[in-house]
């Protein structure tokens, strides 16, 4: 069964602060996590709370049901670039696994 379909989409801001130290694991992404059949990158997996394991790493199409997808369990992220601000319980749980939260993404100035 193919998991990939072409669908006109939207780009999302990059929440990665650094590519160094990223660790991803494949997890079952549930259909209930999505909005209009899409789970946005940076969505807290499996839910926002003390049982948080990481962040969905890339856009996942769940319009056909639950699918396997990448979940980032360690690395550096910009908190202000996530689709939703994680609760303190979720941040604490993910920090124990190796996630580092940087409050804001610095502005890039070009001459």
N, C-alpha and C. Protein backbone atom coordinates (compact mmCIF):
# COMPACT_ATOMS: atom_id res chain seq x y z
N UNK A 1 0.85 -1.18 0.00
CA UNK A 1 0.00 0.00 0.00
C UNK A 1 0.89 1.24 0.00
N UNK A 2 0.62 2.15 -0.91
CA UNK A 2 1.40 3.38 -0.98
C UNK A 2 0.91 4.38 0.07
N UNK A 3 1.84 5.05 0.71
CA UNK A 3 1.50 6.04 1.71
C UNK A 3 1.60 7.46 1.16
N UNK A 4 2.11 7.60 -0.04
CA UNK A 4 2.38 8.93 -0.58
C UNK A 4 1.34 9.28 -1.65
N UNK A 5 0.75 10.46 -1.50
CA UNK A 5 -0.19 10.98 -2.49
C UNK A 5 0.23 12.41 -2.78
N UNK A 6 -0.02 12.86 -3.99
CA UNK A 6 0.25 14.25 -4.29
C UNK A 6 -0.90 15.08 -3.77
N UNK A 7 -0.58 16.13 -3.05
CA UNK A 7 -1.60 17.01 -2.51
C UNK A 7 -1.03 18.42 -2.46
N UNK A 8 -1.74 19.38 -3.02
CA UNK A 8 -1.30 20.77 -2.96
C UNK A 8 -1.21 21.15 -1.50
N UNK A 9 -0.08 21.71 -1.09
CA UNK A 9 0.08 21.94 0.33
C UNK A 9 0.60 23.31 0.69
N UNK A 10 1.03 23.41 1.90
CA UNK A 10 1.53 24.64 2.48
C UNK A 10 2.92 24.38 3.02
N UNK A 11 3.78 25.37 2.96
CA UNK A 11 5.09 25.21 3.58
C UNK A 11 5.00 25.71 5.02
N UNK A 12 5.80 25.11 5.87
CA UNK A 12 5.80 25.46 7.29
C UNK A 12 7.18 25.97 7.66
N UNK A 13 7.29 26.86 8.65
CA UNK A 13 8.61 27.37 9.05
C UNK A 13 9.45 26.24 9.65
N UNK A 14 10.74 26.30 9.41
CA UNK A 14 11.65 25.30 9.96
C UNK A 14 11.80 25.54 11.47
N UNK A 15 11.59 24.50 12.23
CA UNK A 15 11.72 24.62 13.68
C UNK A 15 13.09 24.12 14.16
N UNK A 16 13.92 23.62 13.24
CA UNK A 16 15.24 23.12 13.63
C UNK A 16 16.21 24.25 13.89
N UNK A 17 16.90 24.20 15.01
CA UNK A 17 17.93 25.19 15.33
C UNK A 17 19.29 24.70 14.85
N UNK A 18 19.47 23.40 14.76
CA UNK A 18 20.73 22.82 14.33
C UNK A 18 20.49 21.41 13.84
N UNK A 19 21.27 21.00 12.84
CA UNK A 19 21.15 19.62 12.38
C UNK A 19 22.02 18.67 13.20
N UNK A 20 22.85 19.23 14.05
CA UNK A 20 23.73 18.42 14.89
C UNK A 20 22.93 17.78 16.03
N UNK A 21 23.10 16.50 16.20
CA UNK A 21 22.48 15.80 17.32
C UNK A 21 21.03 15.39 17.11
N UNK A 22 20.52 15.50 15.89
CA UNK A 22 19.14 15.09 15.64
C UNK A 22 19.04 13.56 15.72
N UNK A 23 18.01 13.10 16.40
CA UNK A 23 17.71 11.67 16.44
C UNK A 23 16.23 11.52 16.12
N UNK A 24 15.92 10.70 15.12
CA UNK A 24 14.52 10.45 14.78
C UNK A 24 14.23 8.96 14.91
N UNK A 25 12.99 8.68 15.21
CA UNK A 25 12.51 7.30 15.30
C UNK A 25 11.20 7.21 14.55
N UNK A 26 10.93 6.05 13.99
CA UNK A 26 9.67 5.84 13.29
C UNK A 26 8.61 5.45 14.30
N UNK A 27 7.50 6.15 14.26
CA UNK A 27 6.38 5.90 15.17
C UNK A 27 5.08 5.86 14.35
N UNK A 28 4.06 5.26 14.92
CA UNK A 28 2.75 5.23 14.28
C UNK A 28 2.05 6.56 14.54
N UNK A 29 1.83 7.33 13.48
CA UNK A 29 1.17 8.63 13.59
C UNK A 29 -0.33 8.39 13.43
N UNK A 30 -1.08 8.74 14.44
CA UNK A 30 -2.52 8.46 14.44
C UNK A 30 -3.30 9.52 13.67
N UNK A 31 -4.35 9.06 13.03
CA UNK A 31 -5.22 9.94 12.25
C UNK A 31 -5.78 11.07 13.10
N UNK A 32 -6.04 10.80 14.38
CA UNK A 32 -6.63 11.80 15.27
C UNK A 32 -5.69 12.97 15.55
N UNK A 33 -4.40 12.83 15.25
CA UNK A 33 -3.44 13.91 15.47
C UNK A 33 -3.53 14.98 14.38
N UNK A 34 -4.14 14.64 13.26
CA UNK A 34 -4.16 15.54 12.11
C UNK A 34 -5.33 16.51 12.08
N UNK A 35 -5.14 17.56 11.29
CA UNK A 35 -6.19 18.52 10.98
C UNK A 35 -6.37 18.48 9.47
N UNK A 36 -7.56 18.18 9.01
CA UNK A 36 -7.83 18.02 7.58
C UNK A 36 -6.91 16.96 6.96
N UNK A 37 -6.59 15.91 7.72
CA UNK A 37 -5.79 14.81 7.20
C UNK A 37 -4.30 15.04 7.18
N UNK A 38 -3.83 16.13 7.78
CA UNK A 38 -2.41 16.46 7.79
C UNK A 38 -1.92 16.68 9.22
N UNK A 39 -0.77 16.08 9.55
CA UNK A 39 -0.10 16.37 10.81
C UNK A 39 1.08 17.26 10.47
N UNK A 40 1.11 18.46 11.05
CA UNK A 40 2.15 19.44 10.74
C UNK A 40 3.49 19.05 11.37
N UNK A 41 4.59 19.41 10.71
CA UNK A 41 5.89 19.20 11.34
C UNK A 41 6.01 20.05 12.60
N UNK A 42 6.56 19.46 13.65
CA UNK A 42 6.68 20.16 14.93
C UNK A 42 5.55 19.86 15.88
N UNK A 43 4.57 19.06 15.45
CA UNK A 43 3.47 18.66 16.33
C UNK A 43 4.01 17.73 17.41
N UNK A 44 3.58 17.93 18.63
CA UNK A 44 4.06 17.13 19.76
C UNK A 44 3.48 15.71 19.64
N UNK A 45 4.36 14.71 19.78
CA UNK A 45 3.95 13.31 19.67
C UNK A 45 4.11 12.62 21.01
N UNK A 46 3.17 11.79 21.46
CA UNK A 46 1.85 11.53 20.93
C UNK A 46 0.83 12.58 21.34
N UNK A 47 1.12 13.32 22.41
CA UNK A 47 0.21 14.37 22.87
C UNK A 47 0.99 15.34 23.74
N UNK A 48 0.43 16.53 23.92
CA UNK A 48 1.07 17.55 24.75
C UNK A 48 0.85 17.22 26.22
N UNK A 49 1.88 16.69 26.87
CA UNK A 49 1.78 16.33 28.28
C UNK A 49 3.03 15.60 28.72
N UNK A 50 2.99 15.02 29.89
CA UNK A 50 4.15 14.36 30.48
C UNK A 50 4.58 13.12 29.70
N UNK A 51 3.70 12.59 28.83
CA UNK A 51 4.05 11.40 28.04
C UNK A 51 4.62 11.75 26.66
N UNK A 52 4.93 13.02 26.42
CA UNK A 52 5.46 13.44 25.12
C UNK A 52 6.79 12.75 24.84
N UNK A 53 6.94 12.23 23.62
CA UNK A 53 8.16 11.53 23.22
C UNK A 53 9.01 12.34 22.25
N UNK A 54 8.41 13.33 21.59
CA UNK A 54 9.16 14.10 20.62
C UNK A 54 8.25 14.93 19.74
N UNK A 55 8.79 15.36 18.59
CA UNK A 55 8.06 16.20 17.65
C UNK A 55 8.00 15.50 16.29
N UNK A 56 6.84 15.56 15.65
CA UNK A 56 6.72 15.02 14.30
C UNK A 56 7.72 15.79 13.43
N UNK A 57 8.57 15.07 12.69
CA UNK A 57 9.69 15.68 11.99
C UNK A 57 9.32 16.31 10.65
N UNK A 58 8.35 15.74 9.96
CA UNK A 58 7.94 16.27 8.66
C UNK A 58 6.43 16.10 8.50
N UNK A 59 5.88 16.76 7.50
CA UNK A 59 4.45 16.67 7.25
C UNK A 59 4.05 15.22 7.01
N UNK A 60 2.98 14.78 7.67
CA UNK A 60 2.49 13.41 7.53
C UNK A 60 1.03 13.45 7.10
N UNK A 61 0.72 12.74 6.02
CA UNK A 61 -0.65 12.66 5.51
C UNK A 61 -1.35 11.49 6.18
N UNK A 62 -2.35 11.78 7.01
CA UNK A 62 -3.10 10.73 7.72
C UNK A 62 -4.54 10.66 7.21
N UNK A 63 -4.77 11.17 6.00
CA UNK A 63 -6.13 11.18 5.45
C UNK A 63 -6.65 9.77 5.18
N UNK A 64 -5.75 8.79 5.05
CA UNK A 64 -6.17 7.41 4.81
C UNK A 64 -6.09 6.56 6.06
N UNK A 65 -5.81 7.17 7.21
CA UNK A 65 -5.70 6.42 8.45
C UNK A 65 -4.32 6.57 9.07
N UNK A 66 -4.07 5.78 10.11
CA UNK A 66 -2.79 5.81 10.81
C UNK A 66 -1.66 5.36 9.88
N UNK A 67 -0.52 6.05 9.94
CA UNK A 67 0.63 5.71 9.09
C UNK A 67 1.93 5.84 9.91
N UNK A 68 2.98 5.13 9.51
CA UNK A 68 4.27 5.33 10.16
C UNK A 68 4.86 6.66 9.72
N UNK A 69 5.55 7.32 10.65
CA UNK A 69 6.16 8.60 10.32
C UNK A 69 7.32 8.90 11.24
N UNK A 70 8.16 9.89 10.86
CA UNK A 70 9.34 10.22 11.66
C UNK A 70 9.01 11.13 12.83
N UNK A 71 9.55 10.79 13.98
CA UNK A 71 9.38 11.60 15.19
C UNK A 71 10.78 11.95 15.69
N UNK A 72 11.05 13.23 15.84
CA UNK A 72 12.34 13.71 16.34
C UNK A 72 12.33 13.59 17.86
N UNK A 73 13.29 12.83 18.40
CA UNK A 73 13.33 12.61 19.85
C UNK A 73 14.48 13.34 20.52
N UNK A 74 15.42 13.87 19.73
CA UNK A 74 16.54 14.63 20.29
C UNK A 74 17.03 15.64 19.26
N UNK A 75 17.50 16.77 19.74
CA UNK A 75 18.01 17.81 18.86
C UNK A 75 17.65 19.18 19.41
N UNK A 76 18.03 20.22 18.65
CA UNK A 76 17.75 21.59 19.06
C UNK A 76 16.65 22.18 18.19
N UNK A 77 15.65 22.80 18.84
CA UNK A 77 14.53 23.38 18.11
C UNK A 77 14.22 24.80 18.61
N UNK A 78 13.67 25.60 17.69
CA UNK A 78 13.19 26.93 18.07
C UNK A 78 11.75 26.79 18.53
N UNK A 79 11.51 27.11 19.78
CA UNK A 79 10.17 26.96 20.36
C UNK A 79 9.13 27.84 19.67
N UNK A 80 9.53 29.04 19.25
CA UNK A 80 8.57 29.95 18.63
C UNK A 80 8.20 29.54 17.20
N UNK A 81 8.87 28.55 16.63
CA UNK A 81 8.56 28.08 15.28
C UNK A 81 7.67 26.84 15.26
N UNK A 82 7.36 26.31 16.44
CA UNK A 82 6.49 25.13 16.52
C UNK A 82 5.04 25.53 16.27
N UNK A 83 4.22 24.63 15.73
CA UNK A 83 2.81 24.97 15.46
C UNK A 83 2.01 25.28 16.73
N UNK A 84 2.42 24.72 17.87
CA UNK A 84 1.76 25.00 19.15
C UNK A 84 2.81 24.99 20.24
N UNK A 85 2.67 25.89 21.19
CA UNK A 85 3.63 25.97 22.31
C UNK A 85 3.45 24.74 23.20
N UNK A 86 4.54 24.01 23.46
CA UNK A 86 4.41 22.83 24.32
C UNK A 86 4.22 23.23 25.79
N UNK A 87 3.49 22.40 26.52
CA UNK A 87 3.30 22.63 27.95
C UNK A 87 4.63 22.37 28.67
N UNK A 88 4.74 22.85 29.89
CA UNK A 88 5.95 22.63 30.68
C UNK A 88 6.19 21.13 30.90
N UNK A 89 5.11 20.36 31.10
CA UNK A 89 5.25 18.92 31.31
C UNK A 89 5.82 18.24 30.07
N UNK A 90 5.35 18.66 28.90
CA UNK A 90 5.85 18.09 27.64
C UNK A 90 7.31 18.48 27.42
N UNK A 91 7.65 19.75 27.68
CA UNK A 91 9.03 20.19 27.52
C UNK A 91 9.96 19.41 28.43
N UNK A 92 9.57 19.23 29.68
CA UNK A 92 10.39 18.49 30.63
C UNK A 92 10.60 17.05 30.17
N UNK A 93 9.53 16.40 29.71
CA UNK A 93 9.62 15.01 29.24
C UNK A 93 10.56 14.91 28.03
N UNK A 94 10.44 15.85 27.09
CA UNK A 94 11.29 15.80 25.89
C UNK A 94 12.73 16.19 26.20
N UNK A 95 12.95 17.10 27.15
CA UNK A 95 14.31 17.47 27.53
C UNK A 95 15.04 16.29 28.15
N UNK A 96 14.34 15.44 28.86
CA UNK A 96 14.95 14.24 29.43
C UNK A 96 15.43 13.29 28.34
N UNK A 97 14.79 13.34 27.17
CA UNK A 97 15.17 12.48 26.05
C UNK A 97 16.26 13.10 25.18
N UNK A 98 16.58 14.37 25.40
CA UNK A 98 17.65 15.00 24.63
C UNK A 98 17.23 16.19 23.77
N UNK A 99 16.01 16.67 23.94
CA UNK A 99 15.53 17.82 23.18
C UNK A 99 15.98 19.11 23.88
N UNK A 100 16.46 20.07 23.09
CA UNK A 100 16.88 21.37 23.61
C UNK A 100 15.97 22.41 22.98
N UNK A 101 15.31 23.22 23.81
CA UNK A 101 14.41 24.25 23.33
C UNK A 101 15.08 25.61 23.41
N UNK A 102 15.15 26.30 22.27
CA UNK A 102 15.66 27.66 22.20
C UNK A 102 14.44 28.55 22.03
N UNK A 103 14.24 29.54 22.91
CA UNK A 103 12.98 30.31 22.92
C UNK A 103 12.60 30.97 21.59
N UNK A 104 13.53 31.68 20.95
CA UNK A 104 13.16 32.38 19.71
C UNK A 104 14.25 32.22 18.65
N UNK A 105 13.80 32.21 17.40
CA UNK A 105 14.71 32.13 16.27
C UNK A 105 15.28 33.53 16.03
N UNK A 106 16.61 33.64 15.93
CA UNK A 106 17.18 34.98 15.69
C UNK A 106 16.84 35.48 14.30
N UNK A 107 16.71 36.78 14.16
CA UNK A 107 16.41 37.40 12.87
C UNK A 107 17.66 37.36 11.99
N UNK A 108 17.44 37.08 10.72
CA UNK A 108 18.55 37.09 9.77
C UNK A 108 18.54 38.42 9.04
N UNK A 109 19.64 39.12 9.13
CA UNK A 109 19.75 40.42 8.46
C UNK A 109 20.68 40.30 7.28
N UNK A 110 20.22 40.76 6.15
CA UNK A 110 21.03 40.71 4.94
C UNK A 110 21.30 42.14 4.48
N UNK A 111 22.54 42.38 3.99
CA UNK A 111 22.87 43.75 3.54
C UNK A 111 22.12 44.14 2.28
